[in-house]
Structure formats: C-alpha cells, structure tokens
Amino acid sequence: MSDAGFSPLNDLEQVFRSVRALEAPVTVFMDALQEAQVFVLLDQDPGPEGTWHETASTLVLNNHQGVPVLAIFTAPERAIAMTGQFPAFAYGLLIDFAWLLPRINAGAGLVVNPGTLFGMEIPPLAVQRLQQDLRAAPRH
C-alpha cells in the first residue's frame, strides 16, 4: 500500500507510516498510540483551557458492520474533512490516549483518521485488550 503524499506530522504518524509500509508490526503502532496524544472531535467547545466536559460527546461512527467506532486522529489537521461532514462536531481536543482509553464504551472500536486515505480501524476486541493492558500496567 502506497503512502505517497503522506507527510507525517508527529512521532505517532512516523510509526503509523512504518506500520502501513509493513516495516513494523501493528503492535508497534498500538504501543506508540498508548503513549501519544490523539485529537478527538467534540460537540461542545472545550474552551480556552481545553477542558474535557463530561457532558461532551465525541464523534462516533458506525463501521460497515454497524459497529460503533470512536473517531480519533493522529493530528488535528487530519480531522478537517470530518468537521465538514459532521458540523455538530465542530470542536476538537488534543488528549492523551491513555486518558481516553478507559472511557471508551464496551463494544466500541476505534477508527484512526477517518475520512482520510491514511487511516485504520481497531476492532472492539483489540480496544478491550488495550483497556485490559492499561488496567494491568504498574502505576508509576
């Protein structure tokens, strides 16, 4: 698969590009994701402090099988196309994936960079495994 025209904007995207080029296994991306910040689209303005409001909803799509998938982006620039398609989700927030992960509903997957040619889907079972790994990880 060709990623011609894909210019990585951060370290997470560098890893993502390596995985897509089959130079690294998907587990390398999953590990990098857990240490990275991701961008999510919200239906409420997080304000100048960038505060997550518990009443805010994130953009959740349904995949081709009807399974809900939380839309996350590897960089804010990757979300531009989706804000046009889903104007109710006109706000965004850059957050630690490790903070977001335990808040993902059971049975939901992830879709990385939807609306772009440089995305991937992470099925609910893999999200559940990531959540279990996070819970089992020693706390610093």
Foldseek 3Di string as FASTA:
>chain_A
DDPVVDDDPDPLVVVLVCCVVVVDPVVSSVVVLQAAKKKWFWLDACPPVLHDDPPIDTDWDAPPVRFIAGEIEPDPVLCVVVCVVPVSRVYMHTGRVNVCLVVDDQRYWHWYSPPDPRIDTGGNVNSVVSNVVSVPDDDD
